[in-house]
C-alpha atoms as a PDB file:
ATOM      1  CA  MET A   1       6.933   9.267  18.445  1.00  0.00           C
ATOM      2  CA  LYS A   2      10.297   9.888  16.847  1.00  0.00           C
ATOM      3  CA  SER A   3      11.707  13.355  16.489  1.00  0.00           C
ATOM      4  CA  ARG A   4      10.523  15.381  13.514  1.00  0.00           C
ATOM      5  CA  GLY A   5      13.752  14.631  11.631  1.00  0.00           C
ATOM      6  CA  GLU A   6      13.146  10.885  11.883  1.00  0.00           C
ATOM      7  CA  SER A   7       9.405  10.886  11.241  1.00  0.00           C
ATOM      8  CA  LEU A   8       7.563  10.183   7.994  1.00  0.00           C
ATOM      9  CA  ILE A   9       4.800  12.232   6.370  1.00  0.00           C
ATOM     10  CA  TYR A  10       1.480  10.378   6.140  1.00  0.00           C
ATOM     11  CA  LEU A  11      -0.850  12.060   3.629  1.00  0.00           C
ATOM     12  CA  TYR A  12      -4.628  11.872   4.052  1.00  0.00           C
ATOM     13  CA  CYS A  13      -5.950  14.240   1.415  1.00  0.00           C
ATOM     14  CA  VAL A  14      -5.468  17.459  -0.496  1.00  0.00           C
ATOM     15  CA  SER A  15      -8.151  20.103  -0.024  1.00  0.00           C
ATOM     16  CA  ALA A  16      -9.144  23.000  -2.218  1.00  0.00           C
ATOM     17  CA  GLU A  17      -9.837  25.105   0.882  1.00  0.00           C
ATOM     18  CA  LYS A  18      -8.030  25.852   4.116  1.00  0.00           C
ATOM     19  CA  PRO A  19      -9.166  23.108   6.514  1.00  0.00           C
ATOM     20  CA  LYS A  20     -10.208  23.264  10.147  1.00  0.00           C
ATOM     21  CA  LEU A  21      -8.782  20.285  11.984  1.00  0.00           C
ATOM     22  CA  ASN A  22     -10.657  20.451  15.299  1.00  0.00           C
ATOM     23  CA  GLU A  23     -12.327  17.053  14.857  1.00  0.00           C
ATOM     24  CA  ALA A  24      -9.361  15.437  13.116  1.00  0.00           C
ATOM     25  CA  GLU A  25      -7.037  16.328  15.978  1.00  0.00           C
ATOM     26  CA  GLY A  26      -9.019  14.032  18.255  1.00  0.00           C
ATOM     27  CA  LEU A  27      -8.547  11.086  15.904  1.00  0.00           C
ATOM     28  CA  VAL A  28      -4.813  10.948  15.195  1.00  0.00           C
ATOM     29  CA  ASP A  29      -1.637  12.521  16.572  1.00  0.00           C
ATOM     30  CA  ASN A  30       0.241  15.345  14.878  1.00  0.00           C
ATOM     31  CA  VAL A  31      -2.341  16.067  12.191  1.00  0.00           C
ATOM     32  CA  CYS A  32      -1.665  19.329  10.371  1.00  0.00           C
ATOM     33  CA  PHE A  33      -1.657  20.996   6.974  1.00  0.00           C
ATOM     34  CA  ILE A  34       0.442  23.303   4.886  1.00  0.00           C
ATOM     35  CA  SER A  35      -0.518  25.779   2.202  1.00  0.00           C
ATOM     36  CA  TYR A  36       1.058  25.221  -1.193  1.00  0.00           C
ATOM     37  CA  GLN A  37       0.030  27.436  -4.124  1.00  0.00           C
ATOM     38  CA  GLY A  38      -3.685  27.190  -3.403  1.00  0.00           C
ATOM     39  CA  LEU A  39      -3.622  23.567  -2.268  1.00  0.00           C
ATOM     40  CA  TYR A  40      -3.884  22.303   1.317  1.00  0.00           C
ATOM     41  CA  PRO A  41      -2.416  18.840   1.966  1.00  0.00           C
ATOM     42  CA  VAL A  42      -3.520  17.357   5.303  1.00  0.00           C
ATOM     43  CA  PHE A  43      -1.037  14.973   6.886  1.00  0.00           C
ATOM     44  CA  SER A  44       0.421  13.543  10.080  1.00  0.00           C
ATOM     45  CA  ARG A  45       3.978  12.906  11.132  1.00  0.00           C
ATOM     46  CA  VAL A  46       4.258   9.209  11.918  1.00  0.00           C
ATOM     47  CA  SER A  47       6.928   6.901  13.269  1.00  0.00           C
ATOM     48  CA  PRO A  48       9.005   4.581  11.072  1.00  0.00           C
ATOM     49  CA  ASP A  49       8.494   2.009  13.842  1.00  0.00           C
ATOM     50  CA  GLU A  50       5.045   1.554  12.353  1.00  0.00           C
ATOM     51  CA  PHE A  51       5.241   3.003   8.846  1.00  0.00           C
ATOM     52  CA  SER A  52       8.667   2.257   7.406  1.00  0.00           C
ATOM     53  CA  GLU A  53       8.469   0.147   4.240  1.00  0.00           C
ATOM     54  CA  LYS A  54       9.359  -3.021   6.145  1.00  0.00           C
ATOM     55  CA  ASN A  55       7.075  -2.383   9.119  1.00  0.00           C
ATOM     56  CA  LEU A  56       4.168  -1.203   6.956  1.00  0.00           C
ATOM     57  CA  LYS A  57       4.347  -4.384   4.883  1.00  0.00           C
ATOM     58  CA  LYS A  58       4.164  -6.438   8.088  1.00  0.00           C
ATOM     59  CA  ASN A  59       1.270  -4.392   9.483  1.00  0.00           C
ATOM     60  CA  LEU A  60      -0.722  -4.648   6.245  1.00  0.00           C
ATOM     61  CA  ALA A  61      -0.944  -8.397   6.887  1.00  0.00           C
ATOM     62  CA  ASP A  62      -2.767  -7.696  10.168  1.00  0.00           C
ATOM     63  CA  LEU A  63      -6.510  -7.254   9.528  1.00  0.00           C
ATOM     64  CA  GLU A  64      -7.132  -5.636  12.906  1.00  0.00           C
ATOM     65  CA  TRP A  65      -4.367  -3.097  12.323  1.00  0.00           C
ATOM     66  CA  ILE A  66      -5.756  -2.316   8.867  1.00  0.00           C
ATOM     67  CA  LYS A  67      -9.283  -1.954  10.226  1.00  0.00           C
ATOM     68  CA  THR A  68      -8.204   0.547  12.908  1.00  0.00           C
ATOM     69  CA  LYS A  69      -5.969   2.594  10.630  1.00  0.00           C
ATOM     70  CA  ALA A  70      -8.461   2.602   7.743  1.00  0.00           C
ATOM     71  CA  CYS A  71     -11.220   3.807  10.063  1.00  0.00           C
ATOM     72  CA  ASN A  72      -9.068   6.659  11.397  1.00  0.00           C
ATOM     73  CA  HIS A  73      -7.878   7.511   7.887  1.00  0.00           C
ATOM     74  CA  GLU A  74     -11.466   7.785   6.675  1.00  0.00           C
ATOM     75  CA  LYS A  75     -12.592   9.814   9.692  1.00  0.00           C
ATOM     76  CA  VAL A  76      -9.793  12.360   9.266  1.00  0.00           C
ATOM     77  CA  ILE A  77     -10.774  12.925   5.637  1.00  0.00           C
ATOM     78  CA  GLU A  78     -14.450  13.239   6.580  1.00  0.00           C
ATOM     79  CA  ALA A  79     -13.517  15.777   9.268  1.00  0.00           C
ATOM     80  CA  VAL A  80     -11.616  17.829   6.690  1.00  0.00           C
ATOM     81  CA  ILE A  81     -14.605  17.733   4.337  1.00  0.00           C
ATOM     82  CA  LYS A  82     -16.996  18.959   7.054  1.00  0.00           C
ATOM     83  CA  ASN A  83     -14.791  21.633   8.626  1.00  0.00           C
ATOM     84  CA  SER A  84     -13.973  24.199   6.001  1.00  0.00           C
ATOM     85  CA  CYS A  85     -12.527  27.548   7.103  1.00  0.00           C
ATOM     86  CA  LEU A  86     -14.899  29.460   4.842  1.00  0.00           C
ATOM     87  CA  PRO A  87     -16.953  32.202   6.539  1.00  0.00           C
ATOM     88  CA  ARG A  88     -20.122  30.820   8.139  1.00  0.00           C
ATOM     89  CA  ALA A  89     -22.370  32.407   5.511  1.00  0.00           C
ATOM     90  CA  ARG A  90     -20.488  30.564   2.751  1.00  0.00           C
ATOM     91  CA  ARG A  91     -19.763  27.385   4.683  1.00  0.00           C
ATOM     92  CA  ARG A  92     -20.262  24.116   2.839  1.00  0.00           C
ATOM     93  CA  GLN A  93     -18.515  20.795   2.570  1.00  0.00           C
ATOM     94  CA  ALA A  94     -14.959  21.144   1.330  1.00  0.00           C
ATOM     95  CA  CYS A  95     -13.868  19.383  -1.831  1.00  0.00           C
ATOM     96  CA  VAL A  96     -10.899  17.030  -1.353  1.00  0.00           C
ATOM     97  CA  ILE A  97      -8.765  14.536  -3.203  1.00  0.00           C
ATOM     98  CA  PRO A  98      -8.447  11.561  -0.822  1.00  0.00           C
ATOM     99  CA  PHE A  99      -5.323   9.424  -0.797  1.00  0.00           C
ATOM    100  CA  LYS A 100      -5.209   5.742  -0.044  1.00  0.00           C
ATOM    101  CA  LEU A 101      -4.169   4.236   3.286  1.00  0.00           C
ATOM    102  CA  GLY A 102      -0.407   4.356   3.767  1.00  0.00           C
ATOM    103  CA  THR A 103       0.515   7.174   1.352  1.00  0.00           C
ATOM    104  CA  LEU A 104       3.869   8.219   2.780  1.00  0.00           C
ATOM    105  CA  PHE A 105       6.676  10.694   2.120  1.00  0.00           C
ATOM    106  CA  HIS A 106      10.104  10.937   3.710  1.00  0.00           C
ATOM    107  CA  SER A 107       9.831  14.687   4.293  1.00  0.00           C
ATOM    108  CA  GLU A 108       7.785  17.826   3.672  1.00  0.00           C
ATOM    109  CA  GLU A 109      10.170  18.593   0.824  1.00  0.00           C
ATOM    110  CA  ASN A 110       9.172  15.325  -0.864  1.00  0.00           C
ATOM    111  CA  LEU A 111       5.520  16.160  -0.318  1.00  0.00           C
ATOM    112  CA  LYS A 112       5.960  19.617  -1.850  1.00  0.00           C
ATOM    113  CA  ALA A 113       7.788  18.110  -4.823  1.00  0.00           C
ATOM    114  CA  MET A 114       4.798  15.858  -5.467  1.00  0.00           C
ATOM    115  CA  LEU A 115       2.423  18.819  -5.159  1.00  0.00           C
ATOM    116  CA  LYS A 116       4.521  20.826  -7.602  1.00  0.00           C
ATOM    117  CA  LYS A 117       4.522  17.978 -10.118  1.00  0.00           C
ATOM    118  CA  HIS A 118       0.749  17.415  -9.939  1.00  0.00           C
ATOM    119  CA  LYS A 119      -0.459  20.943  -9.110  1.00  0.00           C
ATOM    120  CA  GLY A 120      -2.373  21.462 -12.356  1.00  0.00           C
ATOM    121  CA  GLU A 121      -3.874  17.985 -12.257  1.00  0.00           C
ATOM    122  CA  PHE A 122      -4.918  18.430  -8.627  1.00  0.00           C
ATOM    123  CA  LYS A 123      -6.625  21.743  -9.301  1.00  0.00           C
ATOM    124  CA  ASP A 124      -8.454  20.386 -12.364  1.00  0.00           C
ATOM    125  CA  THR A 125      -9.601  17.335 -10.397  1.00  0.00           C
ATOM    126  CA  LEU A 126     -10.794  19.403  -7.438  1.00  0.00           C
ATOM    127  CA  LYS A 127     -12.757  21.652  -9.785  1.00  0.00           C
ATOM    128  CA  TRP A 128     -14.334  18.623 -11.469  1.00  0.00           C
ATOM    129  CA  LEU A 129     -15.275  17.063  -8.101  1.00  0.00           C
ATOM    130  CA  GLU A 130     -17.042  20.187  -6.858  1.00  0.00           C
ATOM    131  CA  GLY A 131     -20.670  19.398  -6.007  1.00  0.00           C
ATOM    132  CA  LYS A 132     -20.186  15.645  -6.423  1.00  0.00           C
ATOM    133  CA  GLU A 133     -19.980  12.723  -4.018  1.00  0.00           C
ATOM    134  CA  GLU A 134     -19.288   9.011  -4.124  1.00  0.00           C
ATOM    135  CA  TRP A 135     -21.797   6.311  -3.217  1.00  0.00           C
ATOM    136  CA  GLY A 136     -21.334   2.568  -3.067  1.00  0.00           C
ATOM    137  CA  LEU A 137     -23.603  -0.429  -3.563  1.00  0.00           C
ATOM    138  CA  LYS A 138     -22.656  -3.856  -2.291  1.00  0.00           C
ATOM    139  CA  ILE A 139     -24.913  -6.832  -2.950  1.00  0.00           C
ATOM    140  CA  TYR A 140     -24.674 -10.007  -0.889  1.00  0.00           C
ATOM    141  CA  CYS A 141     -26.309 -13.373  -1.515  1.00  0.00           C
ATOM    142  CA  ASP A 142     -27.582 -16.068   0.834  1.00  0.00           C
ATOM    143  CA  GLY A 143     -26.922 -19.004  -1.501  1.00  0.00           C
ATOM    144  CA  ASP A 144     -29.209 -21.461   0.282  1.00  0.00           C
ATOM    145  CA  LYS A 145     -32.156 -19.062   0.218  1.00  0.00           C
ATOM    146  CA  LEU A 146     -31.612 -18.286  -3.466  1.00  0.00           C
ATOM    147  CA  LYS A 147     -31.461 -21.988  -4.364  1.00  0.00           C
ATOM    148  CA  GLU A 148     -34.610 -22.690  -2.340  1.00  0.00           C
ATOM    149  CA  ASN A 149     -36.460 -19.936  -4.167  1.00  0.00           C
ATOM    150  CA  LEU A 150     -35.312 -21.149  -7.584  1.00  0.00           C
ATOM    151  CA  ILE A 151     -36.234 -24.769  -6.836  1.00  0.00           C
ATOM    152  CA  GLN A 152     -39.756 -23.633  -6.007  1.00  0.00           C
ATOM    153  CA  LYS A 153     -40.216 -21.268  -8.974  1.00  0.00           C
ATOM    154  CA  ASP A 154     -37.983 -22.162 -11.927  1.00  0.00           C
ATOM    155  CA  LYS A 155     -39.917 -24.005 -14.662  1.00  0.00           C
ATOM    156  CA  GLU A 156     -36.986 -26.142 -15.817  1.00  0.00           C
ATOM    157  CA  LEU A 157     -36.235 -27.315 -12.300  1.00  0.00           C
ATOM    158  CA  LEU A 158     -39.891 -28.016 -11.570  1.00  0.00           C
ATOM    159  CA  ASP A 159     -40.115 -30.047 -14.793  1.00  0.00           C
ATOM    160  CA  LEU A 160     -37.073 -32.099 -13.758  1.00  0.00           C
ATOM    161  CA  ASP A 161     -38.681 -32.747 -10.362  1.00  0.00           C
ATOM    162  CA  ARG A 162     -41.727 -34.212 -12.134  1.00  0.00           C
ATOM    163  CA  GLN A 163     -39.500 -36.395 -14.277  1.00  0.00           C
ATOM    164  CA  ILE A 164     -37.568 -37.615 -11.238  1.00  0.00           C
ATOM    165  CA  SER A 165     -40.787 -38.532  -9.420  1.00  0.00           C
ATOM    166  CA  ALA A 166     -41.957 -40.634 -12.386  1.00  0.00           C
ATOM    167  CA  ALA A 167     -38.582 -42.235 -13.205  1.00  0.00           C
ATOM    168  CA  LEU A 168     -37.105 -45.606 -12.206  1.00  0.00           C
ATOM    169  CA  PRO A 169     -34.200 -45.473  -9.681  1.00  0.00           C
ATOM    170  CA  GLY A 170     -31.398 -45.543 -12.275  1.00  0.00           C
ATOM    171  CA  LYS A 171     -32.973 -42.848 -14.419  1.00  0.00           C
ATOM    172  CA  ALA A 172     -33.894 -40.804 -11.329  1.00  0.00           C
ATOM    173  CA  PHE A 173     -30.242 -40.801 -10.209  1.00  0.00           C
ATOM    174  CA  ILE A 174     -29.120 -39.382 -13.555  1.00  0.00           C
ATOM    175  CA  LEU A 175     -31.890 -36.773 -13.512  1.00  0.00           C
ATOM    176  CA  LYS A 176     -30.934 -35.677  -9.995  1.00  0.00           C
ATOM    177  CA  LYS A 177     -27.358 -35.079 -11.144  1.00  0.00           C
ATOM    178  CA  LYS A 178     -28.727 -33.117 -14.093  1.00  0.00           C
ATOM    179  CA  LYS A 179     -30.897 -31.082 -11.723  1.00  0.00           C
ATOM    180  CA  ALA A 180     -27.924 -30.236  -9.477  1.00  0.00           C
ATOM    181  CA  GLU A 181     -25.894 -29.066 -12.473  1.00  0.00           C
ATOM    182  CA  LEU A 182     -28.820 -27.073 -13.857  1.00  0.00           C
ATOM    183  CA  LEU A 183     -29.434 -25.471 -10.454  1.00  0.00           C
ATOM    184  CA  ASN A 184     -25.829 -24.244 -10.279  1.00  0.00           C
ATOM    185  CA  THR A 185     -26.103 -22.840 -13.805  1.00  0.00           C
ATOM    186  CA  ILE A 186     -29.349 -21.034 -13.023  1.00  0.00           C
ATOM    187  CA  VAL A 187     -27.955 -19.666  -9.738  1.00  0.00           C
ATOM    188  CA  ASN A 188     -24.926 -18.188 -11.517  1.00  0.00           C
ATOM    189  CA  LYS A 189     -27.146 -16.744 -14.240  1.00  0.00           C
ATOM    190  CA  LYS A 190     -29.485 -15.186 -11.672  1.00  0.00           C
ATOM    191  CA  LEU A 191     -26.588 -13.649  -9.747  1.00  0.00           C
ATOM    192  CA  ASN A 192     -25.025 -12.195 -12.891  1.00  0.00           C
ATOM    193  CA  GLU A 193     -28.362 -10.812 -14.094  1.00  0.00           C
ATOM    194  CA  SER A 194     -29.330  -9.274 -10.749  1.00  0.00           C
ATOM    195  CA  GLY A 195     -25.913  -7.690 -10.276  1.00  0.00           C
ATOM    196  CA  GLN A 196     -25.817  -6.250 -13.792  1.00  0.00           C
ATOM    197  CA  ASP A 197     -29.413  -5.055 -13.605  1.00  0.00           C
ATOM    198  CA  SER A 198     -28.829  -3.319 -10.250  1.00  0.00           C
ATOM    199  CA  PHE A 199     -25.672  -1.669 -11.554  1.00  0.00           C
ATOM    200  CA  GLU A 200     -27.385  -0.390 -14.707  1.00  0.00           C
ATOM    201  CA  ARG A 201     -30.363   0.967 -12.769  1.00  0.00           C
ATOM    202  CA  LEU A 202     -28.106   3.059 -10.528  1.00  0.00           C
ATOM    203  CA  ARG A 203     -25.614   4.042 -13.214  1.00  0.00           C
ATOM    204  CA  GLN A 204     -28.230   6.206 -14.924  1.00  0.00           C
ATOM    205  CA  TYR A 205     -28.074   8.602 -11.940  1.00  0.00           C
ATOM    206  CA  SER A 206     -24.273   8.858 -11.960  1.00  0.00           C
ATOM    207  CA  ILE A 207     -21.662  10.928 -13.715  1.00  0.00           C
ATOM    208  CA  SER A 208     -19.185   8.078 -13.516  1.00  0.00           C
ATOM    209  CA  SER A 209     -19.325   4.549 -12.144  1.00  0.00           C
ATOM    210  CA  GLY A 210     -17.226   1.460 -11.643  1.00  0.00           C
ATOM    211  CA  ILE A 211     -17.113  -2.077 -10.321  1.00  0.00           C
ATOM    212  CA  ASN A 212     -14.504  -3.004  -7.708  1.00  0.00           C
ATOM    213  CA  LYS A 213     -13.171  -6.393  -6.684  1.00  0.00           C
ATOM    214  CA  LEU A 214     -15.442  -8.559  -4.568  1.00  0.00           C
ATOM    215  CA  LEU A 215     -14.419  -8.700  -0.914  1.00  0.00           C
ATOM    216  CA  PRO A 216     -14.012 -12.062   0.873  1.00  0.00           C
ATOM    217  CA  LYS A 217     -15.953 -12.989   3.992  1.00  0.00           C
ATOM    218  CA  GLU A 218     -12.837 -12.404   6.114  1.00  0.00           C
ATOM    219  CA  VAL A 219     -13.086  -8.730   5.224  1.00  0.00           C
ATOM    220  CA  THR A 220     -16.870  -8.266   5.151  1.00  0.00           C
ATOM    221  CA  GLU A 221     -17.392 -10.378   8.302  1.00  0.00           C
ATOM    222  CA  ARG A 222     -20.663 -11.627   6.817  1.00  0.00           C
ATOM    223  CA  LYS A 223     -21.917 -15.172   6.253  1.00  0.00           C
ATOM    224  CA  ASP A 224     -23.319 -14.390   2.807  1.00  0.00           C
ATOM    225  CA  GLU A 225     -21.185 -13.901  -0.310  1.00  0.00           C
ATOM    226  CA  MET A 226     -20.618 -10.527  -1.936  1.00  0.00           C
ATOM    227  CA  ILE A 227     -21.739 -10.610  -5.582  1.00  0.00           C
ATOM    228  CA  LEU A 228     -21.377  -6.920  -6.515  1.00  0.00           C
ATOM    229  CA  ASN A 229     -19.153  -4.101  -5.281  1.00  0.00           C
ATOM    230  CA  ALA A 230     -20.070  -1.024  -7.312  1.00  0.00           C
ATOM    231  CA  VAL A 231     -19.306   2.674  -6.913  1.00  0.00           C
ATOM    232  CA  PHE A 232     -21.039   5.730  -8.351  1.00  0.00           C
ATOM    233  CA  LEU A 233     -20.034   9.376  -8.566  1.00  0.00           C
ATOM    234  CA  ILE A 234     -23.158  11.519  -8.505  1.00  0.00           C
ATOM    235  CA  ASN A 235     -24.181  15.130  -8.291  1.00  0.00           C
ATOM    236  CA  LYS A 236     -25.235  15.798  -4.704  1.00  0.00           C
ATOM    237  CA  ASN A 237     -28.739  16.751  -5.828  1.00  0.00           C
ATOM    238  CA  LYS A 238     -29.196  13.193  -7.182  1.00  0.00           C
ATOM    239  CA  ALA A 239     -28.727  11.477  -3.819  1.00  0.00           C
ATOM    240  CA  ALA A 240     -32.474  11.192  -3.155  1.00  0.00           C
ATOM    241  CA  ASP A 241     -33.066   9.731  -6.633  1.00  0.00           C
ATOM    242  CA  LEU A 242     -30.329   7.175  -6.047  1.00  0.00           C
ATOM    243  CA  ALA A 243     -31.855   6.189  -2.692  1.00  0.00           C
ATOM    244  CA  ASP A 244     -35.277   5.736  -4.315  1.00  0.00           C
ATOM    245  CA  ALA A 245     -33.739   3.551  -7.032  1.00  0.00           C
ATOM    246  CA  VAL A 246     -32.121   1.336  -4.381  1.00  0.00           C
ATOM    247  CA  LYS A 247     -35.520   0.893  -2.685  1.00  0.00           C
ATOM    248  CA  GLU A 248     -37.005  -0.194  -6.017  1.00  0.00           C
ATOM    249  CA  ILE A 249     -34.215  -2.725  -6.541  1.00  0.00           C
ATOM    250  CA  LYS A 250     -34.717  -4.154  -3.052  1.00  0.00           C
ATOM    251  CA  ALA A 251     -38.432  -4.580  -3.724  1.00  0.00           C
ATOM    252  CA  LEU A 252     -37.762  -6.163  -7.130  1.00  0.00           C
ATOM    253  CA  TYR A 253     -35.484  -8.841  -5.679  1.00  0.00           C
ATOM    254  CA  ALA A 254     -37.291  -9.385  -2.378  1.00  0.00           C
ATOM    255  CA  GLY A 255     -37.308 -13.052  -1.399  1.00  0.00           C
ATOM    256  CA  TRP A 256     -34.334 -14.010  -3.573  1.00  0.00           C
ATOM    257  CA  GLY A 257     -31.809 -14.105  -0.745  1.00  0.00           C
ATOM    258  CA  LEU A 258     -30.143 -10.881  -1.839  1.00  0.00           C
ATOM    259  CA  SER A 259     -29.097  -8.097   0.557  1.00  0.00           C
ATOM    260  CA  PHE A 260     -28.364  -4.571  -0.661  1.00  0.00           C
ATOM    261  CA  ASP A 261     -25.983  -2.267   1.201  1.00  0.00           C
ATOM    262  CA  CYS A 262     -25.955   1.267  -0.221  1.00  0.00           C
ATOM    263  CA  THR A 263     -23.534   3.590   1.578  1.00  0.00           C
ATOM    264  CA  GLY A 264     -22.376   7.178   1.216  1.00  0.00           C
ATOM    265  CA  PRO A 265     -21.573   9.859   0.717  1.00  0.00           C
ATOM    266  CA  TRP A 266     -17.875   8.983   0.638  1.00  0.00           C
ATOM    267  CA  PRO A 267     -14.803  10.929  -0.384  1.00  0.00           C
ATOM    268  CA  PRO A 268     -14.259  10.161  -4.087  1.00  0.00           C
ATOM    269  CA  TYR A 269     -11.562   7.489  -3.668  1.00  0.00           C
ATOM    270  CA  ASN A 270     -12.614   5.585  -6.764  1.00  0.00           C
ATOM    271  CA  PHE A 271     -12.769   8.593  -9.068  1.00  0.00           C
ATOM    272  CA  THR A 272      -9.365  10.197  -8.501  1.00  0.00           C
ATOM    273  CA  THR A 273      -6.537   8.490 -10.324  1.00  0.00           C
ATOM    274  CA  ILE A 274      -3.701  10.647  -9.048  1.00  0.00           C
ATOM    275  CA  GLU A 275      -1.028   8.482  -7.465  1.00  0.00           C
ATOM    276  CA  LYS A 276       1.822   9.445  -5.180  1.00  0.00           C
ATOM    277  CA  ALA A 277       4.837  10.556  -7.205  1.00  0.00           C
END
């Protein structure tokens, strides 16, 4: 590690309460916080050898590096959320504004300047986030299983099969091409409908919601394709209702080759729009 004068400030989150960093200290080096007008930014001092603009750009092309750093980043924020310095009788999860991987400042002075600029916005956001948590729903599709199910159940496809069986070779060839095109159309329609239906069913339990970009297989490390990547901000007392709704969705689409991955609670990454100054 470089000397303090040569190091960079890596920001994890800003907390509304003084954090305890016992667990976070075992995850990354030099993790600490400062107090600034009722806000508590949690950060580490990191080396430019890894986090300078040039080196960070190179490292962000390395999936293994990203995976390790993102995991540690997330765990530090979770540790801050769990370890509030409130008295035991009042202890609860701390409310934080999480920052994205690789949020860096050249010095504590730069960090404080950002806090000064956004102080009111930070405090309003932290107040709004109190008692809320983020949940995510990812839906994946086994394309072969979905096609097999549709071929066996869809009326239009079954009708084409009957026509193909009764047709002469030339006509049968044309009908088979028509069937392949129709199958692709029906598959896309089914995926769009199931994704939208699942999103709408869960959105009714949320305060805010959104749909993120689909992740490629290189990132998910799954054989099936992601067809929905949705996020929901909910009141904590709605978590059980959300879980029950996910069970209902799974039962509704059982046998269609769809897999549902509901995860949470997460820090509210997708519902804080404050960017580094």
